[in-house]
């Protein structure tokens, strides 16, 4: 019998082949450079404001879906507001440092 209230933890690990990592990093940097207008973050999540184009929305959703395949601990959500579109990336508390590194990679800081 399963406990519906139990939390299932996902390992903080990436299964992407190391040879594919540079290409994936380049894809994120391209999305950030071409389609992200702003970034906001707190300890456990980051929101990327997407350019108001269908191409930006599709590119963000596609990349997020592929990232979820190899880094299951990341949660992605497209948030639609009346005048803005956001990609939210959320991680569990144990992966906050990984999220900070992700943001640093995107922003070059």
PDB file of N, CA and C in Angstrom:
ATOM      1  N   UNK A   1       0.846  -1.173   0.000  1.00  0.00           N
ATOM      2  CA  UNK A   1       0.000   0.000   0.000  1.00  0.00           C
ATOM      3  C   UNK A   1       0.889   1.233   0.000  1.00  0.00           C
ATOM      4  N   UNK A   2       0.603   2.172  -0.884  1.00  0.00           N
ATOM      5  CA  UNK A   2       1.436   3.367  -0.981  1.00  0.00           C
ATOM      6  C   UNK A   2       0.898   4.471  -0.096  1.00  0.00           C
ATOM      7  N   UNK A   3       1.796   5.294   0.369  1.00  0.00           N
ATOM      8  CA  UNK A   3       1.444   6.443   1.180  1.00  0.00           C
ATOM      9  C   UNK A   3       1.404   7.653   0.253  1.00  0.00           C
ATOM     10  N   UNK A   4       0.227   8.136  -0.069  1.00  0.00           N
ATOM     11  CA  UNK A   4       0.091   9.252  -1.005  1.00  0.00           C
ATOM     12  C   UNK A   4       0.736  10.521  -0.483  1.00  0.00           C
ATOM     13  N   UNK A   5       0.902  10.643   0.818  1.00  0.00           N
ATOM     14  CA  UNK A   5       1.510  11.834   1.387  1.00  0.00           C
ATOM     15  C   UNK A   5       3.018  11.769   1.441  1.00  0.00           C
ATOM     16  N   UNK A   6       3.589  10.611   1.152  1.00  0.00           N
ATOM     17  CA  UNK A   6       5.052  10.469   1.228  1.00  0.00           C
ATOM     18  C   UNK A   6       5.714  11.236   0.097  1.00  0.00           C
ATOM     19  N   UNK A   7       6.847  11.846   0.403  1.00  0.00           N
ATOM     20  CA  UNK A   7       7.614  12.581  -0.603  1.00  0.00           C
ATOM     21  C   UNK A   7       8.640  11.639  -1.202  1.00  0.00           C
ATOM     22  N   UNK A   8       8.684  11.631  -2.503  1.00  0.00           N
ATOM     23  CA  UNK A   8       9.685  10.836  -3.203  1.00  0.00           C
ATOM     24  C   UNK A   8      10.829  11.762  -3.569  1.00  0.00           C
ATOM     25  N   UNK A   9      12.018  11.364  -3.214  1.00  0.00           N
ATOM     26  CA  UNK A   9      13.160  12.202  -3.528  1.00  0.00           C
ATOM     27  C   UNK A   9      13.800  11.729  -4.815  1.00  0.00           C
ATOM     28  N   UNK A  10      14.238  12.683  -5.583  1.00  0.00           N
ATOM     29  CA  UNK A  10      14.914  12.419  -6.849  1.00  0.00           C
ATOM     30  C   UNK A  10      16.390  12.711  -6.624  1.00  0.00           C
ATOM     31  N   UNK A  11      17.264  11.819  -7.046  1.00  0.00           N
ATOM     32  CA  UNK A  11      18.698  12.076  -6.857  1.00  0.00           C
ATOM     33  C   UNK A  11      19.141  13.367  -7.559  1.00  0.00           C
ATOM     34  N   UNK A  12      20.052  14.087  -6.924  1.00  0.00           N
ATOM     35  CA  UNK A  12      20.614  15.289  -7.524  1.00  0.00           C
ATOM     36  C   UNK A  12      21.760  14.816  -8.409  1.00  0.00           C
ATOM     37  N   UNK A  13      21.400  14.468  -9.625  1.00  0.00           N
ATOM     38  CA  UNK A  13      22.373  13.912 -10.556  1.00  0.00           C
ATOM     39  C   UNK A  13      21.912  14.189 -11.980  1.00  0.00           C
ATOM     40  N   UNK A  14      22.879  14.215 -12.884  1.00  0.00           N
ATOM     41  CA  UNK A  14      22.609  14.419 -14.305  1.00  0.00           C
ATOM     42  C   UNK A  14      23.045  13.174 -15.054  1.00  0.00           C
ATOM     43  N   UNK A  15      22.172  12.689 -15.931  1.00  0.00           N
ATOM     44  CA  UNK A  15      22.491  11.497 -16.706  1.00  0.00           C
ATOM     45  C   UNK A  15      22.901  11.837 -18.140  1.00  0.00           C
ATOM     46  N   UNK A  16      23.051  13.118 -18.443  1.00  0.00           N
ATOM     47  CA  UNK A  16      23.480  13.522 -19.779  1.00  0.00           C
ATOM     48  C   UNK A  16      24.898  13.025 -20.024  1.00  0.00           C
ATOM     49  N   UNK A  17      25.119  12.452 -21.184  1.00  0.00           N
ATOM     50  CA  UNK A  17      26.453  11.988 -21.545  1.00  0.00           C
ATOM     51  C   UNK A  17      27.412  13.167 -21.531  1.00  0.00           C
ATOM     52  N   UNK A  18      28.585  12.970 -20.924  1.00  0.00           N
ATOM     53  CA  UNK A  18      29.559  14.051 -20.776  1.00  0.00           C
ATOM     54  C   UNK A  18      29.933  14.666 -22.124  1.00  0.00           C
ATOM     55  N   UNK A  19      29.899  13.879 -23.190  1.00  0.00           N
ATOM     56  CA  UNK A  19      30.208  14.400 -24.517  1.00  0.00           C
ATOM     57  C   UNK A  19      29.140  15.342 -25.053  1.00  0.00           C
ATOM     58  N   UNK A  20      27.903  15.216 -24.525  1.00  0.00           N
ATOM     59  CA  UNK A  20      26.802  16.073 -24.964  1.00  0.00           C
ATOM     60  C   UNK A  20      26.663  17.342 -24.129  1.00  0.00           C
ATOM     61  N   UNK A  21      27.404  17.404 -23.029  1.00  0.00           N
ATOM     62  CA  UNK A  21      27.280  18.539 -22.115  1.00  0.00           C
ATOM     63  C   UNK A  21      27.609  19.885 -22.763  1.00  0.00           C
ATOM     64  N   UNK A  22      28.724  20.022 -23.514  1.00  0.00           N
ATOM     65  CA  UNK A  22      29.016  21.338 -24.103  1.00  0.00           C
ATOM     66  C   UNK A  22      27.907  21.835 -25.039  1.00  0.00           C
ATOM     67  N   UNK A  23      27.314  20.928 -25.800  1.00  0.00           N
ATOM     68  CA  UNK A  23      26.231  21.328 -26.703  1.00  0.00           C
ATOM     69  C   UNK A  23      25.014  21.794 -25.911  1.00  0.00           C
ATOM     70  N   UNK A  24      24.683  21.101 -24.816  1.00  0.00           N
ATOM     71  CA  UNK A  24      23.538  21.494 -24.000  1.00  0.00           C
ATOM     72  C   UNK A  24      23.777  22.849 -23.351  1.00  0.00           C
ATOM     73  N   UNK A  25      24.985  23.075 -22.842  1.00  0.00           N
ATOM     74  CA  UNK A  25      25.322  24.371 -22.254  1.00  0.00           C
ATOM     75  C   UNK A  25      25.172  25.466 -23.308  1.00  0.00           C
ATOM     76  N   UNK A  26      25.633  25.202 -24.518  1.00  0.00           N
ATOM     77  CA  UNK A  26      25.491  26.176 -25.600  1.00  0.00           C
ATOM     78  C   UNK A  26      24.025  26.458 -25.906  1.00  0.00           C
ATOM     79  N   UNK A  27      23.189  25.431 -25.858  1.00  0.00           N
ATOM     80  CA  UNK A  27      21.757  25.635 -26.098  1.00  0.00           C
ATOM     81  C   UNK A  27      21.148  26.555 -25.041  1.00  0.00           C
ATOM     82  N   UNK A  28      21.490  26.332 -23.776  1.00  0.00           N
ATOM     83  CA  UNK A  28      20.972  27.198 -22.716  1.00  0.00           C
ATOM     84  C   UNK A  28      21.468  28.627 -22.890  1.00  0.00           C
ATOM     85  N   UNK A  29      22.744  28.775 -23.221  1.00  0.00           N
ATOM     86  CA  UNK A  29      23.287  30.125 -23.424  1.00  0.00           C
ATOM     87  C   UNK A  29      22.629  30.812 -24.612  1.00  0.00           C
ATOM     88  N   UNK A  30      22.344  30.061 -25.661  1.00  0.00           N
ATOM     89  CA  UNK A  30      21.671  30.648 -26.824  1.00  0.00           C
ATOM     90  C   UNK A  30      20.253  31.066 -26.468  1.00  0.00           C
ATOM     91  N   UNK A  31      19.528  30.206 -25.740  1.00  0.00           N
ATOM     92  CA  UNK A  31      18.179  30.578 -25.305  1.00  0.00           C
ATOM     93  C   UNK A  31      18.240  31.845 -24.470  1.00  0.00           C
ATOM     94  N   UNK A  32      19.178  31.899 -23.528  1.00  0.00           N
ATOM     95  CA  UNK A  32      19.298  33.065 -22.662  1.00  0.00           C
ATOM     96  C   UNK A  32      19.617  34.319 -23.476  1.00  0.00           C
ATOM     97  N   UNK A  33      20.536  34.206 -24.421  1.00  0.00           N
ATOM     98  CA  UNK A  33      20.931  35.367 -25.218  1.00  0.00           C
ATOM     99  C   UNK A  33      19.876  35.825 -26.207  1.00  0.00           C
ATOM    100  N   UNK A  34      19.146  34.878 -26.786  1.00  0.00           N
ATOM    101  CA  UNK A  34      18.181  35.191 -27.841  1.00  0.00           C
ATOM    102  C   UNK A  34      16.765  35.453 -27.342  1.00  0.00           C
ATOM    103  N   UNK A  35      16.379  34.800 -26.239  1.00  0.00           N
ATOM    104  CA  UNK A  35      14.959  34.763 -25.886  1.00  0.00           C
ATOM    105  C   UNK A  35      14.616  35.187 -24.468  1.00  0.00           C
ATOM    106  N   UNK A  36      15.598  35.475 -23.640  1.00  0.00           N
ATOM    107  CA  UNK A  36      15.316  35.834 -22.250  1.00  0.00           C
ATOM    108  C   UNK A  36      15.538  37.333 -22.066  1.00  0.00           C
ATOM    109  N   UNK A  37      14.513  38.006 -21.560  1.00  0.00           N
ATOM    110  CA  UNK A  37      14.570  39.452 -21.369  1.00  0.00           C
ATOM    111  C   UNK A  37      14.986  39.844 -19.962  1.00  0.00           C
ATOM    112  N   UNK A  38      14.714  38.980 -18.994  1.00  0.00           N
ATOM    113  CA  UNK A  38      15.042  39.273 -17.593  1.00  0.00           C
ATOM    114  C   UNK A  38      15.089  37.969 -16.817  1.00  0.00           C
ATOM    115  N   UNK A  39      15.702  38.052 -15.645  1.00  0.00           N
ATOM    116  CA  UNK A  39      15.845  36.892 -14.776  1.00  0.00           C
ATOM    117  C   UNK A  39      15.605  37.334 -13.346  1.00  0.00           C
ATOM    118  N   UNK A  40      14.799  36.586 -12.627  1.00  0.00           N
ATOM    119  CA  UNK A  40      14.622  36.812 -11.197  1.00  0.00           C
ATOM    120  C   UNK A  40      14.884  35.490 -10.494  1.00  0.00           C
ATOM    121  N   UNK A  41      15.421  35.558  -9.273  1.00  0.00           N
ATOM    122  CA  UNK A  41      15.686  34.307  -8.587  1.00  0.00           C
ATOM    123  C   UNK A  41      15.571  34.452  -7.086  1.00  0.00           C
ATOM    124  N   UNK A  42      15.280  33.326  -6.466  1.00  0.00           N
ATOM    125  CA  UNK A  42      15.369  33.206  -5.019  1.00  0.00           C
ATOM    126  C   UNK A  42      16.155  31.933  -4.759  1.00  0.00           C
ATOM    127  N   UNK A  43      16.204  31.482  -3.537  1.00  0.00           N
ATOM    128  CA  UNK A  43      17.073  30.355  -3.190  1.00  0.00           C
ATOM    129  C   UNK A  43      16.743  29.086  -3.968  1.00  0.00           C
ATOM    130  N   UNK A  44      15.481  28.805  -4.191  1.00  0.00           N
ATOM    131  CA  UNK A  44      15.113  27.532  -4.806  1.00  0.00           C
ATOM    132  C   UNK A  44      14.549  27.594  -6.201  1.00  0.00           C
ATOM    133  N   UNK A  45      14.480  28.793  -6.786  1.00  0.00           N
ATOM    134  CA  UNK A  45      13.937  28.872  -8.136  1.00  0.00           C
ATOM    135  C   UNK A  45      14.462  30.090  -8.877  1.00  0.00           C
ATOM    136  N   UNK A  46      14.334  30.020 -10.167  1.00  0.00           N
ATOM    137  CA  UNK A  46      14.688  31.138 -11.033  1.00  0.00           C
ATOM    138  C   UNK A  46      13.589  31.256 -12.082  1.00  0.00           C
ATOM    139  N   UNK A  47      13.252  32.498 -12.407  1.00  0.00           N
ATOM    140  CA  UNK A  47      12.265  32.746 -13.453  1.00  0.00           C
ATOM    141  C   UNK A  47      12.953  33.503 -14.587  1.00  0.00           C
ATOM    142  N   UNK A  48      12.760  32.982 -15.797  1.00  0.00           N
ATOM    143  CA  UNK A  48      13.310  33.608 -16.993  1.00  0.00           C
ATOM    144  C   UNK A  48      12.155  34.223 -17.768  1.00  0.00           C
ATOM    145  N   UNK A  49      12.179  35.546 -17.919  1.00  0.00           N
ATOM    146  CA  UNK A  49      11.156  36.243 -18.698  1.00  0.00           C
ATOM    147  C   UNK A  49      11.470  36.033 -20.166  1.00  0.00           C
ATOM    148  N   UNK A  50      10.546  35.404 -20.873  1.00  0.00           N
ATOM    149  CA  UNK A  50      10.769  35.087 -22.280  1.00  0.00           C
ATOM    150  C   UNK A  50      10.328  36.228 -23.183  1.00  0.00           C
ATOM    151  N   UNK A  51      11.028  36.361 -24.298  1.00  0.00           N
ATOM    152  CA  UNK A  51      10.616  37.324 -25.323  1.00  0.00           C
ATOM    153  C   UNK A  51       9.198  36.951 -25.764  1.00  0.00           C
ATOM    154  N   UNK A  52       8.397  37.930 -26.161  1.00  0.00           N
ATOM    155  CA  UNK A  52       6.989  37.671 -26.493  1.00  0.00           C
ATOM    156  C   UNK A  52       6.802  37.093 -27.898  1.00  0.00           C
ATOM    157  N   UNK A  53       7.525  36.025 -28.189  1.00  0.00           N
ATOM    158  CA  UNK A  53       7.401  35.382 -29.505  1.00  0.00           C
ATOM    159  C   UNK A  53       7.100  33.901 -29.315  1.00  0.00           C
ATOM    160  N   UNK A  54       6.459  33.327 -30.314  1.00  0.00           N
ATOM    161  CA  UNK A  54       6.188  31.888 -30.277  1.00  0.00           C
ATOM    162  C   UNK A  54       7.493  31.097 -30.309  1.00  0.00           C
ATOM    163  N   UNK A  55       8.468  31.579 -31.076  1.00  0.00           N
ATOM    164  CA  UNK A  55       9.754  30.881 -31.149  1.00  0.00           C
ATOM    165  C   UNK A  55      10.410  30.776 -29.778  1.00  0.00           C
ATOM    166  N   UNK A  56      10.360  31.846 -28.987  1.00  0.00           N
ATOM    167  CA  UNK A  56      10.953  31.824 -27.655  1.00  0.00           C
ATOM    168  C   UNK A  56      10.227  30.832 -26.758  1.00  0.00           C
ATOM    169  N   UNK A  57       8.921  30.810 -26.828  1.00  0.00           N
ATOM    170  CA  UNK A  57       8.126  29.907 -26.003  1.00  0.00           C
ATOM    171  C   UNK A  57       8.405  28.446 -26.366  1.00  0.00           C
ATOM    172  N   UNK A  58       8.426  28.153 -27.645  1.00  0.00           N
ATOM    173  CA  UNK A  58       8.681  26.783 -28.105  1.00  0.00           C
ATOM    174  C   UNK A  58      10.106  26.352 -27.752  1.00  0.00           C
ATOM    175  N   UNK A  59      11.075  27.232 -27.960  1.00  0.00           N
ATOM    176  CA  UNK A  59      12.467  26.900 -27.650  1.00  0.00           C
ATOM    177  C   UNK A  59      12.636  26.626 -26.159  1.00  0.00           C
ATOM    178  N   UNK A  60      12.024  27.444 -25.309  1.00  0.00           N
ATOM    179  CA  UNK A  60      12.132  27.250 -23.863  1.00  0.00           C
ATOM    180  C   UNK A  60      11.484  25.937 -23.439  1.00  0.00           C
ATOM    181  N   UNK A  61      10.306  25.649 -23.956  1.00  0.00           N
ATOM    182  CA  UNK A  61       9.617  24.409 -23.586  1.00  0.00           C
ATOM    183  C   UNK A  61      10.391  23.186 -24.060  1.00  0.00           C
ATOM    184  N   UNK A  62      10.911  23.233 -25.271  1.00  0.00           N
ATOM    185  CA  UNK A  62      11.667  22.106 -25.807  1.00  0.00           C
ATOM    186  C   UNK A  62      12.939  21.845 -25.005  1.00  0.00           C
ATOM    187  N   UNK A  63      13.677  22.893 -24.723  1.00  0.00           N
ATOM    188  CA  UNK A  63      14.925  22.739 -23.981  1.00  0.00           C
ATOM    189  C   UNK A  63      14.645  22.272 -22.550  1.00  0.00           C
ATOM    190  N   UNK A  64      13.624  22.827 -21.921  1.00  0.00           N
ATOM    191  CA  UNK A  64      13.270  22.412 -20.563  1.00  0.00           C
ATOM    192  C   UNK A  64      12.871  20.939 -20.525  1.00  0.00           C
ATOM    193  N   UNK A  65      12.126  20.492 -21.499  1.00  0.00           N
ATOM    194  CA  UNK A  65      11.713  19.089 -21.539  1.00  0.00           C
ATOM    195  C   UNK A  65      12.925  18.167 -21.681  1.00  0.00           C
ATOM    196  N   UNK A  66      13.856  18.528 -22.546  1.00  0.00           N
ATOM    197  CA  UNK A  66      15.054  17.703 -22.726  1.00  0.00           C
ATOM    198  C   UNK A  66      15.943  17.741 -21.482  1.00  0.00           C
ATOM    199  N   UNK A  67      15.992  18.877 -20.809  1.00  0.00           N
ATOM    200  CA  UNK A  67      16.785  18.974 -19.586  1.00  0.00           C
ATOM    201  C   UNK A  67      16.176  18.110 -18.479  1.00  0.00           C
ATOM    202  N   UNK A  68      14.865  18.072 -18.407  1.00  0.00           N
ATOM    203  CA  UNK A  68      14.173  17.258 -17.401  1.00  0.00           C
ATOM    204  C   UNK A  68      14.495  15.776 -17.587  1.00  0.00           C
ATOM    205  N   UNK A  69      14.734  15.356 -18.828  1.00  0.00           N
ATOM    206  CA  UNK A  69      15.069  13.958 -19.098  1.00  0.00           C
ATOM    207  C   UNK A  69      16.376  13.540 -18.441  1.00  0.00           C
ATOM    208  N   UNK A  70      17.346  14.433 -18.381  1.00  0.00           N
ATOM    209  CA  UNK A  70      18.658  14.070 -17.828  1.00  0.00           C
ATOM    210  C   UNK A  70      18.870  14.582 -16.410  1.00  0.00           C
ATOM    211  N   UNK A  71      18.150  15.593 -16.020  1.00  0.00           N
ATOM    212  CA  UNK A  71      18.282  16.163 -14.669  1.00  0.00           C
ATOM    213  C   UNK A  71      16.893  16.197 -14.033  1.00  0.00           C
ATOM    214  N   UNK A  72      16.442  15.032 -13.598  1.00  0.00           N
ATOM    215  CA  UNK A  72      15.073  14.883 -13.104  1.00  0.00           C
ATOM    216  C   UNK A  72      14.779  15.735 -11.878  1.00  0.00           C
ATOM    217  N   UNK A  73      15.807  16.177 -11.164  1.00  0.00           N
ATOM    218  CA  UNK A  73      15.586  16.983  -9.961  1.00  0.00           C
ATOM    219  C   UNK A  73      15.180  18.412 -10.294  1.00  0.00           C
ATOM    220  N   UNK A  74      15.408  18.855 -11.525  1.00  0.00           N
ATOM    221  CA  UNK A  74      14.929  20.167 -11.954  1.00  0.00           C
ATOM    222  C   UNK A  74      13.434  20.050 -12.243  1.00  0.00           C
ATOM    223  N   UNK A  75      12.668  21.031 -11.817  1.00  0.00           N
ATOM    224  CA  UNK A  75      11.271  21.141 -12.217  1.00  0.00           C
ATOM    225  C   UNK A  75      11.151  22.385 -13.082  1.00  0.00           C
ATOM    226  N   UNK A  76      10.448  22.258 -14.182  1.00  0.00           N
ATOM    227  CA  UNK A  76      10.257  23.363 -15.112  1.00  0.00           C
ATOM    228  C   UNK A  76       8.773  23.639 -15.257  1.00  0.00           C
ATOM    229  N   UNK A  77       8.426  24.914 -15.386  1.00  0.00           N
ATOM    230  CA  UNK A  77       7.044  25.302 -15.619  1.00  0.00           C
ATOM    231  C   UNK A  77       7.027  26.528 -16.521  1.00  0.00           C
ATOM    232  N   UNK A  78       6.120  26.515 -17.460  1.00  0.00           N
ATOM    233  CA  UNK A  78       5.850  27.707 -18.271  1.00  0.00           C
ATOM    234  C   UNK A  78       4.722  28.442 -17.563  1.00  0.00           C
ATOM    235  N   UNK A  79       4.956  29.686 -17.224  1.00  0.00           N
ATOM    236  CA  UNK A  79       3.952  30.503 -16.547  1.00  0.00           C
ATOM    237  C   UNK A  79       3.483  31.584 -17.511  1.00  0.00           C
ATOM    238  N   UNK A  80       2.181  31.582 -17.773  1.00  0.00           N
ATOM    239  CA  UNK A  80       1.603  32.533 -18.711  1.00  0.00           C
ATOM    240  C   UNK A  80       0.819  33.593 -17.953  1.00  0.00           C
ATOM    241  N   UNK A  81       1.196  34.835 -18.172  1.00  0.00           N
ATOM    242  CA  UNK A  81       0.479  35.969 -17.617  1.00  0.00           C
ATOM    243  C   UNK A  81      -0.170  36.701 -18.785  1.00  0.00           C
ATOM    244  N   UNK A  82      -0.980  37.672 -18.517  1.00  0.00           N
ATOM    245  CA  UNK A  82      -1.676  38.356 -19.605  1.00  0.00           C
ATOM    246  C   UNK A  82      -0.723  39.040 -20.574  1.00  0.00           C
ATOM    247  N   UNK A  83       0.430  39.468 -20.086  1.00  0.00           N
ATOM    248  CA  UNK A  83       1.356  40.190 -20.950  1.00  0.00           C
ATOM    249  C   UNK A  83       2.792  39.659 -20.898  1.00  0.00           C
ATOM    250  N   UNK A  84       3.005  38.525 -20.213  1.00  0.00           N
ATOM    251  CA  UNK A  84       4.360  37.985 -20.097  1.00  0.00           C
ATOM    252  C   UNK A  84       4.325  36.470 -20.072  1.00  0.00           C
ATOM    253  N   UNK A  85       5.455  35.887 -20.489  1.00  0.00           N
ATOM    254  CA  UNK A  85       5.653  34.446 -20.454  1.00  0.00           C
ATOM    255  C   UNK A  85       6.962  34.174 -19.724  1.00  0.00           C
ATOM    256  N   UNK A  86       6.918  33.256 -18.793  1.00  0.00           N
ATOM    257  CA  UNK A  86       8.074  32.947 -17.970  1.00  0.00           C
ATOM    258  C   UNK A  86       8.381  31.461 -18.046  1.00  0.00           C
ATOM    259  N   UNK A  87       9.656  31.127 -17.943  1.00  0.00           N
ATOM    260  CA  UNK A  87      10.080  29.762 -17.700  1.00  0.00           C
ATOM    261  C   UNK A  87      10.592  29.742 -16.269  1.00  0.00           C
ATOM    262  N   UNK A  88       9.938  28.953 -15.418  1.00  0.00           N
ATOM    263  CA  UNK A  88      10.382  28.826 -14.027  1.00  0.00           C
ATOM    264  C   UNK A  88      11.148  27.516 -13.884  1.00  0.00           C
ATOM    265  N   UNK A  89      12.304  27.611 -13.242  1.00  0.00           N
ATOM    266  CA  UNK A  89      13.137  26.450 -12.936  1.00  0.00           C
ATOM    267  C   UNK A  89      13.207  26.364 -11.415  1.00  0.00           C
ATOM    268  N   UNK A  90      12.809  25.219 -10.874  1.00  0.00           N
ATOM    269  CA  UNK A  90      12.784  25.023  -9.434  1.00  0.00           C
ATOM    270  C   UNK A  90      13.572  23.770  -9.089  1.00  0.00           C
ATOM    271  N   UNK A  91      14.261  23.821  -7.963  1.00  0.00           N
ATOM    272  CA  UNK A  91      15.024  22.661  -7.489  1.00  0.00           C
ATOM    273  C   UNK A  91      14.695  22.420  -6.023  1.00  0.00           C
ATOM    274  N   UNK A  92      14.917  21.193  -5.557  1.00  0.00           N
ATOM    275  CA  UNK A  92      14.759  20.937  -4.117  1.00  0.00           C
ATOM    276  C   UNK A  92      15.853  21.649  -3.327  1.00  0.00           C
ATOM    277  N   UNK A  93      15.623  21.799  -2.045  1.00  0.00           N
ATOM    278  CA  UNK A  93      16.563  22.517  -1.185  1.00  0.00           C
ATOM    279  C   UNK A  93      17.993  21.978  -1.306  1.00  0.00           C
ATOM    280  N   UNK A  94      18.136  20.693  -1.466  1.00  0.00           N
ATOM    281  CA  UNK A  94      19.473  20.090  -1.544  1.00  0.00           C
ATOM    282  C   UNK A  94      20.209  20.411  -2.844  1.00  0.00           C
ATOM    283  N   UNK A  95      19.521  21.039  -3.800  1.00  0.00           N
ATOM    284  CA  UNK A  95      20.147  21.357  -5.088  1.00  0.00           C
ATOM    285  C   UNK A  95      20.250  22.853  -5.343  1.00  0.00           C
ATOM    286  N   UNK A  96      20.108  23.666  -4.309  1.00  0.00           N
ATOM    287  CA  UNK A  96      20.161  25.123  -4.495  1.00  0.00           C
ATOM    288  C   UNK A  96      21.507  25.587  -5.044  1.00  0.00           C
ATOM    289  N   UNK A  97      22.594  24.955  -4.644  1.00  0.00           N
ATOM    290  CA  UNK A  97      23.917  25.323  -5.173  1.00  0.00           C
ATOM    291  C   UNK A  97      24.000  25.004  -6.667  1.00  0.00           C
ATOM    292  N   UNK A  98      23.401  23.923  -7.075  1.00  0.00           N
ATOM    293  CA  UNK A  98      23.371  23.564  -8.502  1.00  0.00           C
ATOM    294  C   UNK A  98      22.600  24.617  -9.283  1.00  0.00           C
ATOM    295  N   UNK A  99      21.505  25.088  -8.734  1.00  0.00           N
ATOM    296  CA  UNK A  99      20.734  26.136  -9.400  1.00  0.00           C
ATOM    297  C   UNK A  99      21.555  27.418  -9.500  1.00  0.00           C
ATOM    298  N   UNK A 100      22.275  27.779  -8.437  1.00  0.00           N
ATOM    299  CA  UNK A 100      23.129  28.973  -8.497  1.00  0.00           C
ATOM    300  C   UNK A 100      24.172  28.827  -9.609  1.00  0.00           C
ATOM    301  N   UNK A 101      24.753  27.658  -9.718  1.00  0.00           N
ATOM    302  CA  UNK A 101      25.742  27.409 -10.784  1.00  0.00           C
ATOM    303  C   UNK A 101      25.100  27.505 -12.166  1.00  0.00           C
ATOM    304  N   UNK A 102      23.881  27.034 -12.285  1.00  0.00           N
ATOM    305  CA  UNK A 102      23.136  27.115 -13.544  1.00  0.00           C
ATOM    306  C   UNK A 102      22.944  28.580 -13.937  1.00  0.00           C
ATOM    307  N   UNK A 103      22.536  29.407 -12.977  1.00  0.00           N
ATOM    308  CA  UNK A 103      22.318  30.836 -13.248  1.00  0.00           C
ATOM    309  C   UNK A 103      23.640  31.514 -13.608  1.00  0.00           C
ATOM    310  N   UNK A 104      24.695  31.179 -12.899  1.00  0.00           N
ATOM    311  CA  UNK A 104      26.013  31.743 -13.214  1.00  0.00           C
ATOM    312  C   UNK A 104      26.434  31.373 -14.626  1.00  0.00           C
ATOM    313  N   UNK A 105      26.167  30.140 -15.039  1.00  0.00           N
ATOM    314  CA  UNK A 105      26.487  29.700 -16.389  1.00  0.00           C
ATOM    315  C   UNK A 105      25.706  30.524 -17.418  1.00  0.00           C
ATOM    316  N   UNK A 106      24.428  30.762 -17.138  1.00  0.00           N
ATOM    317  CA  UNK A 106      23.597  31.523 -18.069  1.00  0.00           C
ATOM    318  C   UNK A 106      24.041  32.974 -18.177  1.00  0.00           C
ATOM    319  N   UNK A 107      24.322  33.577 -17.043  1.00  0.00           N
ATOM    320  CA  UNK A 107      24.591  35.012 -17.022  1.00  0.00           C
ATOM    321  C   UNK A 107      26.059  35.358 -17.210  1.00  0.00           C
ATOM    322  N   UNK A 108      26.931  34.365 -17.069  1.00  0.00           N
ATOM    323  CA  UNK A 108      28.364  34.626 -17.216  1.00  0.00           C
ATOM    324  C   UNK A 108      28.963  35.305 -16.007  1.00  0.00           C
ATOM    325  N   UNK A 109      28.260  35.324 -14.885  1.00  0.00           N
ATOM    326  CA  UNK A 109      28.763  35.959 -13.661  1.00  0.00           C
ATOM    327  C   UNK A 109      29.623  34.983 -12.903  1.00  0.00           C
TER     328      UNK A 109
END
